[in-house]
Amino acid sequence: MEYITMIASVPGIVALVNFAKRLGLKGEASLVAAVVFGVAINVANLYLGAHEAYQAVIAGLMSGLAAAGLYDLTPRPE
């Protein structure tokens, strides 16, 4: 695996774990979820990394998670 892909997947894993927490994941399960997401993304990259469809899905997922995080950071008028 390329190092840039591995480094770029870290924020995505953090975003996925935070998303899972919002859906009700609690406690130590978030640690397990981070490991599962990390392994799943890296295994998928190993087998599907050369496919354009996989790259498009991952790019869309990361963009959507980033946008959702940015939306959460914006102040809301009271």
PDB file of N, CA and C in Angstrom:
ATOM      1  N   MET A   1       0.840  -1.169   0.000  1.00  0.00           N
ATOM      2  CA  MET A   1       0.000   0.000   0.000  1.00  0.00           C
ATOM      3  C   MET A   1       0.886   1.234   0.000  1.00  0.00           C
ATOM      4  N   GLU A   2       0.454   2.214  -0.747  1.00  0.00           N
ATOM      5  CA  GLU A   2       1.195   3.453  -0.771  1.00  0.00           C
ATOM      6  C   GLU A   2       1.004   4.198   0.547  1.00  0.00           C
ATOM      7  N   TYR A   3       2.054   4.860   0.976  1.00  0.00           N
ATOM      8  CA  TYR A   3       1.980   5.576   2.247  1.00  0.00           C
ATOM      9  C   TYR A   3       0.986   6.727   2.205  1.00  0.00           C
ATOM     10  N   ILE A   4       0.868   7.389   1.056  1.00  0.00           N
ATOM     11  CA  ILE A   4      -0.062   8.512   0.960  1.00  0.00           C
ATOM     12  C   ILE A   4      -1.499   8.039   1.124  1.00  0.00           C
ATOM     13  N   THR A   5      -1.820   6.869   0.594  1.00  0.00           N
ATOM     14  CA  THR A   5      -3.160   6.312   0.756  1.00  0.00           C
ATOM     15  C   THR A   5      -3.418   5.965   2.208  1.00  0.00           C
ATOM     16  N   MET A   6      -2.419   5.398   2.861  1.00  0.00           N
ATOM     17  CA  MET A   6      -2.564   5.039   4.265  1.00  0.00           C
ATOM     18  C   MET A   6      -2.759   6.290   5.122  1.00  0.00           C
ATOM     19  N   ILE A   7      -2.000   7.319   4.861  1.00  0.00           N
ATOM     20  CA  ILE A   7      -2.115   8.561   5.625  1.00  0.00           C
ATOM     21  C   ILE A   7      -3.451   9.233   5.342  1.00  0.00           C
ATOM     22  N   ALA A   8      -3.890   9.222   4.101  1.00  0.00           N
ATOM     23  CA  ALA A   8      -5.159   9.858   3.733  1.00  0.00           C
ATOM     24  C   ALA A   8      -6.357   9.115   4.308  1.00  0.00           C
ATOM     25  N   SER A   9      -6.221   7.823   4.583  1.00  0.00           N
ATOM     26  CA  SER A   9      -7.361   7.069   5.105  1.00  0.00           C
ATOM     27  C   SER A   9      -7.610   7.333   6.590  1.00  0.00           C
ATOM     28  N   VAL A  10      -6.635   7.862   7.311  1.00  0.00           N
ATOM     29  CA  VAL A  10      -6.797   8.103   8.752  1.00  0.00           C
ATOM     30  C   VAL A  10      -7.939   9.086   9.046  1.00  0.00           C
ATOM     31  N   PRO A  11      -8.005  10.252   8.390  1.00  0.00           N
ATOM     32  CA  PRO A  11      -9.139  11.140   8.662  1.00  0.00           C
ATOM     33  C   PRO A  11     -10.481  10.505   8.284  1.00  0.00           C
ATOM     34  N   GLY A  12     -10.476   9.689   7.257  1.00  0.00           N
ATOM     35  CA  GLY A  12     -11.706   8.998   6.876  1.00  0.00           C
ATOM     36  C   GLY A  12     -12.156   8.021   7.939  1.00  0.00           C
ATOM     37  N   ILE A  13     -11.230   7.317   8.547  1.00  0.00           N
ATOM     38  CA  ILE A  13     -11.560   6.378   9.614  1.00  0.00           C
ATOM     39  C   ILE A  13     -12.086   7.140  10.831  1.00  0.00           C
ATOM     40  N   VAL A  14     -11.459   8.255  11.151  1.00  0.00           N
ATOM     41  CA  VAL A  14     -11.939   9.082  12.264  1.00  0.00           C
ATOM     42  C   VAL A  14     -13.365   9.551  11.988  1.00  0.00           C
ATOM     43  N   ALA A  15     -13.620   9.991  10.772  1.00  0.00           N
ATOM     44  CA  ALA A  15     -14.962  10.452  10.412  1.00  0.00           C
ATOM     45  C   ALA A  15     -15.972   9.317  10.481  1.00  0.00           C
ATOM     46  N   LEU A  16     -15.607   8.138  10.028  1.00  0.00           N
ATOM     47  CA  LEU A  16     -16.519   6.993  10.089  1.00  0.00           C
ATOM     48  C   LEU A  16     -16.830   6.598  11.529  1.00  0.00           C
ATOM     49  N   VAL A  17     -15.834   6.629  12.387  1.00  0.00           N
ATOM     50  CA  VAL A  17     -16.065   6.302  13.804  1.00  0.00           C
ATOM     51  C   VAL A  17     -16.966   7.352  14.453  1.00  0.00           C
ATOM     52  N   ASN A  18     -16.734   8.623  14.151  1.00  0.00           N
ATOM     53  CA  ASN A  18     -17.606   9.668  14.688  1.00  0.00           C
ATOM     54  C   ASN A  18     -19.032   9.507  14.176  1.00  0.00           C
ATOM     55  N   PHE A  19     -19.183   9.130  12.930  1.00  0.00           N
ATOM     56  CA  PHE A  19     -20.506   8.867  12.366  1.00  0.00           C
ATOM     57  C   PHE A  19     -21.179   7.705  13.097  1.00  0.00           C
ATOM     58  N   ALA A  20     -20.415   6.661  13.358  1.00  0.00           N
ATOM     59  CA  ALA A  20     -20.959   5.506  14.088  1.00  0.00           C
ATOM     60  C   ALA A  20     -21.359   5.897  15.515  1.00  0.00           C
ATOM     61  N   LYS A  21     -20.586   6.784  16.138  1.00  0.00           N
ATOM     62  CA  LYS A  21     -20.934   7.255  17.479  1.00  0.00           C
ATOM     63  C   LYS A  21     -22.248   8.012  17.468  1.00  0.00           C
ATOM     64  N   ARG A  22     -22.470   8.804  16.435  1.00  0.00           N
ATOM     65  CA  ARG A  22     -23.735   9.533  16.319  1.00  0.00           C
ATOM     66  C   ARG A  22     -24.914   8.586  16.121  1.00  0.00           C
ATOM     67  N   LEU A  23     -24.643   7.434  15.552  1.00  0.00           N
ATOM     68  CA  LEU A  23     -25.694   6.447  15.355  1.00  0.00           C
ATOM     69  C   LEU A  23     -25.929   5.598  16.596  1.00  0.00           C
ATOM     70  N   GLY A  24     -25.160   5.834  17.659  1.00  0.00           N
ATOM     71  CA  GLY A  24     -25.395   5.139  18.914  1.00  0.00           C
ATOM     72  C   GLY A  24     -24.265   4.266  19.425  1.00  0.00           C
ATOM     73  N   LEU A  25     -23.146   4.234  18.740  1.00  0.00           N
ATOM     74  CA  LEU A  25     -22.003   3.440  19.201  1.00  0.00           C
ATOM     75  C   LEU A  25     -21.449   4.064  20.481  1.00  0.00           C
ATOM     76  N   LYS A  26     -21.214   3.251  21.488  1.00  0.00           N
ATOM     77  CA  LYS A  26     -20.775   3.782  22.782  1.00  0.00           C
ATOM     78  C   LYS A  26     -19.527   3.069  23.286  1.00  0.00           C
ATOM     79  N   GLY A  27     -18.788   3.777  24.123  1.00  0.00           N
ATOM     80  CA  GLY A  27     -17.680   3.195  24.876  1.00  0.00           C
ATOM     81  C   GLY A  27     -16.561   2.624  24.035  1.00  0.00           C
ATOM     82  N   GLU A  28     -16.086   1.472  24.491  1.00  0.00           N
ATOM     83  CA  GLU A  28     -14.939   0.812  23.862  1.00  0.00           C
ATOM     84  C   GLU A  28     -15.246   0.279  22.470  1.00  0.00           C
ATOM     85  N   ALA A  29     -16.506   0.226  22.122  1.00  0.00           N
ATOM     86  CA  ALA A  29     -16.872  -0.252  20.789  1.00  0.00           C
ATOM     87  C   ALA A  29     -16.306   0.669  19.708  1.00  0.00           C
ATOM     88  N   SER A  30     -16.088   1.946  20.032  1.00  0.00           N
ATOM     89  CA  SER A  30     -15.526   2.861  19.039  1.00  0.00           C
ATOM     90  C   SER A  30     -14.090   2.477  18.682  1.00  0.00           C
ATOM     91  N   LEU A  31     -13.343   1.942  19.631  1.00  0.00           N
ATOM     92  CA  LEU A  31     -11.991   1.467  19.357  1.00  0.00           C
ATOM     93  C   LEU A  31     -12.036   0.280  18.392  1.00  0.00           C
ATOM     94  N   VAL A  32     -12.933  -0.637  18.652  1.00  0.00           N
ATOM     95  CA  VAL A  32     -13.099  -1.800  17.774  1.00  0.00           C
ATOM     96  C   VAL A  32     -13.545  -1.349  16.385  1.00  0.00           C
ATOM     97  N   ALA A  33     -14.473  -0.392  16.343  1.00  0.00           N
ATOM     98  CA  ALA A  33     -14.952   0.118  15.054  1.00  0.00           C
ATOM     99  C   ALA A  33     -13.816   0.751  14.260  1.00  0.00           C
ATOM    100  N   ALA A  34     -12.932   1.495  14.919  1.00  0.00           N
ATOM    101  CA  ALA A  34     -11.800   2.116  14.229  1.00  0.00           C
ATOM    102  C   ALA A  34     -10.896   1.062  13.603  1.00  0.00           C
ATOM    103  N   VAL A  35     -10.643  -0.004  14.333  1.00  0.00           N
ATOM    104  CA  VAL A  35      -9.796  -1.078  13.804  1.00  0.00           C
ATOM    105  C   VAL A  35     -10.487  -1.772  12.629  1.00  0.00           C
ATOM    106  N   VAL A  36     -11.783  -2.048  12.784  1.00  0.00           N
ATOM    107  CA  VAL A  36     -12.531  -2.720  11.711  1.00  0.00           C
ATOM    108  C   VAL A  36     -12.568  -1.843  10.459  1.00  0.00           C
ATOM    109  N   PHE A  37     -12.856  -0.555  10.631  1.00  0.00           N
ATOM    110  CA  PHE A  37     -12.876   0.349   9.475  1.00  0.00           C
ATOM    111  C   PHE A  37     -11.504   0.424   8.822  1.00  0.00           C
ATOM    112  N   GLY A  38     -10.452   0.513   9.613  1.00  0.00           N
ATOM    113  CA  GLY A  38      -9.107   0.576   9.064  1.00  0.00           C
ATOM    114  C   GLY A  38      -8.741  -0.662   8.267  1.00  0.00           C
ATOM    115  N   VAL A  39      -9.040  -1.810   8.825  1.00  0.00           N
ATOM    116  CA  VAL A  39      -8.743  -3.068   8.126  1.00  0.00           C
ATOM    117  C   VAL A  39      -9.583  -3.179   6.856  1.00  0.00           C
ATOM    118  N   ALA A  40     -10.866  -2.848   6.954  1.00  0.00           N
ATOM    119  CA  ALA A  40     -11.758  -2.961   5.792  1.00  0.00           C
ATOM    120  C   ALA A  40     -11.312  -2.048   4.656  1.00  0.00           C
ATOM    121  N   ILE A  41     -10.961  -0.808   4.984  1.00  0.00           N
ATOM    122  CA  ILE A  41     -10.526   0.125   3.937  1.00  0.00           C
ATOM    123  C   ILE A  41      -9.228  -0.343   3.300  1.00  0.00           C
ATOM    124  N   ASN A  42      -8.297  -0.821   4.098  1.00  0.00           N
ATOM    125  CA  ASN A  42      -7.015  -1.250   3.542  1.00  0.00           C
ATOM    126  C   ASN A  42      -7.107  -2.551   2.761  1.00  0.00           C
ATOM    127  N   VAL A  43      -7.942  -3.477   3.193  1.00  0.00           N
ATOM    128  CA  VAL A  43      -8.138  -4.709   2.430  1.00  0.00           C
ATOM    129  C   VAL A  43      -8.852  -4.406   1.117  1.00  0.00           C
ATOM    130  N   ALA A  44      -9.863  -3.541   1.182  1.00  0.00           N
ATOM    131  CA  ALA A  44     -10.559  -3.147  -0.052  1.00  0.00           C
ATOM    132  C   ALA A  44      -9.593  -2.460  -1.009  1.00  0.00           C
ATOM    133  N   ASN A  45      -8.721  -1.629  -0.478  1.00  0.00           N
ATOM    134  CA  ASN A  45      -7.738  -0.957  -1.325  1.00  0.00           C
ATOM    135  C   ASN A  45      -6.775  -1.960  -1.962  1.00  0.00           C
ATOM    136  N   LEU A  46      -6.423  -2.985  -1.230  1.00  0.00           N
ATOM    137  CA  LEU A  46      -5.527  -4.009  -1.761  1.00  0.00           C
ATOM    138  C   LEU A  46      -6.141  -4.706  -2.970  1.00  0.00           C
ATOM    139  N   TYR A  47      -7.408  -5.095  -2.837  1.00  0.00           N
ATOM    140  CA  TYR A  47      -8.052  -5.866  -3.895  1.00  0.00           C
ATOM    141  C   TYR A  47      -8.742  -5.016  -4.957  1.00  0.00           C
ATOM    142  N   LEU A  48      -9.196  -3.820  -4.587  1.00  0.00           N
ATOM    143  CA  LEU A  48      -9.985  -3.016  -5.513  1.00  0.00           C
ATOM    144  C   LEU A  48      -9.347  -1.688  -5.883  1.00  0.00           C
ATOM    145  N   GLY A  49      -8.167  -1.409  -5.373  1.00  0.00           N
ATOM    146  CA  GLY A  49      -7.541  -0.110  -5.555  1.00  0.00           C
ATOM    147  C   GLY A  49      -7.353   0.327  -6.989  1.00  0.00           C
ATOM    148  N   ALA A  50      -7.206  -0.601  -7.903  1.00  0.00           N
ATOM    149  CA  ALA A  50      -6.980  -0.243  -9.304  1.00  0.00           C
ATOM    150  C   ALA A  50      -8.280   0.041 -10.045  1.00  0.00           C
ATOM    151  N   HIS A  51      -9.414  -0.293  -9.463  1.00  0.00           N
ATOM    152  CA  HIS A  51     -10.703  -0.098 -10.132  1.00  0.00           C
ATOM    153  C   HIS A  51     -11.184   1.337  -9.958  1.00  0.00           C
ATOM    154  N   GLU A  52     -11.603   1.931 -11.065  1.00  0.00           N
ATOM    155  CA  GLU A  52     -12.055   3.324 -11.022  1.00  0.00           C
ATOM    156  C   GLU A  52     -13.316   3.491 -10.180  1.00  0.00           C
ATOM    157  N   ALA A  53     -14.203   2.523 -10.203  1.00  0.00           N
ATOM    158  CA  ALA A  53     -15.438   2.622  -9.427  1.00  0.00           C
ATOM    159  C   ALA A  53     -15.134   2.670  -7.933  1.00  0.00           C
ATOM    160  N   TYR A  54     -14.203   1.844  -7.482  1.00  0.00           N
ATOM    161  CA  TYR A  54     -13.806   1.853  -6.069  1.00  0.00           C
ATOM    162  C   TYR A  54     -13.220   3.207  -5.694  1.00  0.00           C
ATOM    163  N   GLN A  55     -12.361   3.728  -6.537  1.00  0.00           N
ATOM    164  CA  GLN A  55     -11.749   5.026  -6.258  1.00  0.00           C
ATOM    165  C   GLN A  55     -12.803   6.120  -6.188  1.00  0.00           C
ATOM    166  N   ALA A  56     -13.797   6.068  -7.058  1.00  0.00           N
ATOM    167  CA  ALA A  56     -14.867   7.070  -7.056  1.00  0.00           C
ATOM    168  C   ALA A  56     -15.713   6.967  -5.794  1.00  0.00           C
ATOM    169  N   VAL A  57     -16.015   5.742  -5.364  1.00  0.00           N
ATOM    170  CA  VAL A  57     -16.808   5.556  -4.143  1.00  0.00           C
ATOM    171  C   VAL A  57     -16.053   6.068  -2.927  1.00  0.00           C
ATOM    172  N   ILE A  58     -14.793   5.733  -2.807  1.00  0.00           N
ATOM    173  CA  ILE A  58     -13.990   6.178  -1.662  1.00  0.00           C
ATOM    174  C   ILE A  58     -13.853   7.701  -1.673  1.00  0.00           C
ATOM    175  N   ALA A  59     -13.603   8.294  -2.841  1.00  0.00           N
ATOM    176  CA  ALA A  59     -13.494   9.751  -2.921  1.00  0.00           C
ATOM    177  C   ALA A  59     -14.815  10.417  -2.537  1.00  0.00           C
ATOM    178  N   GLY A  60     -15.920   9.865  -2.985  1.00  0.00           N
ATOM    179  CA  GLY A  60     -17.226  10.405  -2.624  1.00  0.00           C
ATOM    180  C   GLY A  60     -17.517  10.259  -1.145  1.00  0.00           C
ATOM    181  N   LEU A  61     -17.161   9.129  -0.576  1.00  0.00           N
ATOM    182  CA  LEU A  61     -17.361   8.898   0.850  1.00  0.00           C
ATOM    183  C   LEU A  61     -16.553   9.895   1.671  1.00  0.00           C
ATOM    184  N   MET A  62     -15.294  10.066   1.337  1.00  0.00           N
ATOM    185  CA  MET A  62     -14.448  11.000   2.075  1.00  0.00           C
ATOM    186  C   MET A  62     -14.941  12.434   1.907  1.00  0.00           C
ATOM    187  N   SER A  63     -15.370  12.807   0.710  1.00  0.00           N
ATOM    188  CA  SER A  63     -15.891  14.152   0.482  1.00  0.00           C
ATOM    189  C   SER A  63     -17.161  14.391   1.287  1.00  0.00           C
ATOM    190  N   GLY A  64     -18.050  13.424   1.281  1.00  0.00           N
ATOM    191  CA  GLY A  64     -19.292  13.556   2.032  1.00  0.00           C
ATOM    192  C   GLY A  64     -19.059  13.642   3.525  1.00  0.00           C
ATOM    193  N   LEU A  65     -18.174  12.822   4.048  1.00  0.00           N
ATOM    194  CA  LEU A  65     -17.857  12.873   5.477  1.00  0.00           C
ATOM    195  C   LEU A  65     -17.182  14.186   5.848  1.00  0.00           C
ATOM    196  N   ALA A  66     -16.311  14.677   4.978  1.00  0.00           N
ATOM    197  CA  ALA A  66     -15.656  15.957   5.240  1.00  0.00           C
ATOM    198  C   ALA A  66     -16.675  17.090   5.236  1.00  0.00           C
ATOM    199  N   ALA A  67     -17.597  17.053   4.288  1.00  0.00           N
ATOM    200  CA  ALA A  67     -18.621  18.092   4.223  1.00  0.00           C
ATOM    201  C   ALA A  67     -19.526  18.041   5.450  1.00  0.00           C
ATOM    202  N   ALA A  68     -19.866  16.857   5.901  1.00  0.00           N
ATOM    203  CA  ALA A  68     -20.709  16.726   7.093  1.00  0.00           C
ATOM    204  C   ALA A  68     -19.981  17.254   8.315  1.00  0.00           C
ATOM    205  N   GLY A  69     -18.703  17.011   8.414  1.00  0.00           N
ATOM    206  CA  GLY A  69     -17.913  17.527   9.534  1.00  0.00           C
ATOM    207  C   GLY A  69     -17.791  19.037   9.473  1.00  0.00           C
ATOM    208  N   LEU A  70     -17.618  19.578   8.288  1.00  0.00           N
ATOM    209  CA  LEU A  70     -17.533  21.022   8.127  1.00  0.00           C
ATOM    210  C   LEU A  70     -18.864  21.666   8.487  1.00  0.00           C
ATOM    211  N   TYR A  71     -19.958  21.042   8.111  1.00  0.00           N
ATOM    212  CA  TYR A  71     -21.284  21.561   8.446  1.00  0.00           C
ATOM    213  C   TYR A  71     -21.468  21.594   9.959  1.00  0.00           C
ATOM    214  N   ASP A  72     -20.983  20.573  10.660  1.00  0.00           N
ATOM    215  CA  ASP A  72     -21.109  20.531  12.117  1.00  0.00           C
ATOM    216  C   ASP A  72     -20.283  21.620  12.803  1.00  0.00           C
ATOM    217  N   LEU A  73     -19.214  22.076  12.162  1.00  0.00           N
ATOM    218  CA  LEU A  73     -18.350  23.082  12.763  1.00  0.00           C
ATOM    219  C   LEU A  73     -18.865  24.508  12.593  1.00  0.00           C
ATOM    220  N   THR A  74     -19.783  24.703  11.639  1.00  0.00           N
ATOM    221  CA  THR A  74     -20.261  26.059  11.392  1.00  0.00           C
ATOM    222  C   THR A  74     -21.205  26.504  12.497  1.00  0.00           C
ATOM    223  N   PRO A  75     -21.074  27.761  12.934  1.00  0.00           N
ATOM    224  CA  PRO A  75     -21.972  28.249  13.984  1.00  0.00           C
ATOM    225  C   PRO A  75     -23.391  28.414  13.464  1.00  0.00           C
ATOM    226  N   ARG A  76     -24.332  28.162  14.332  1.00  0.00           N
ATOM    227  CA  ARG A  76     -25.736  28.291  13.963  1.00  0.00           C
ATOM    228  C   ARG A  76     -26.300  29.569  14.572  1.00  0.00           C
ATOM    229  N   PRO A  77     -27.090  30.311  13.801  1.00  0.00           N
ATOM    230  CA  PRO A  77     -27.692  31.518  14.377  1.00  0.00           C
ATOM    231  C   PRO A  77     -28.699  31.153  15.457  1.00  0.00           C
ATOM    232  N   GLU A  78     -28.736  31.971  16.490  1.00  0.00           N
ATOM    233  CA  GLU A  78     -29.651  31.671  17.605  1.00  0.00           C
ATOM    234  C   GLU A  78     -30.911  32.479  17.506  1.00  0.00           C
TER     235      GLU A  78
END
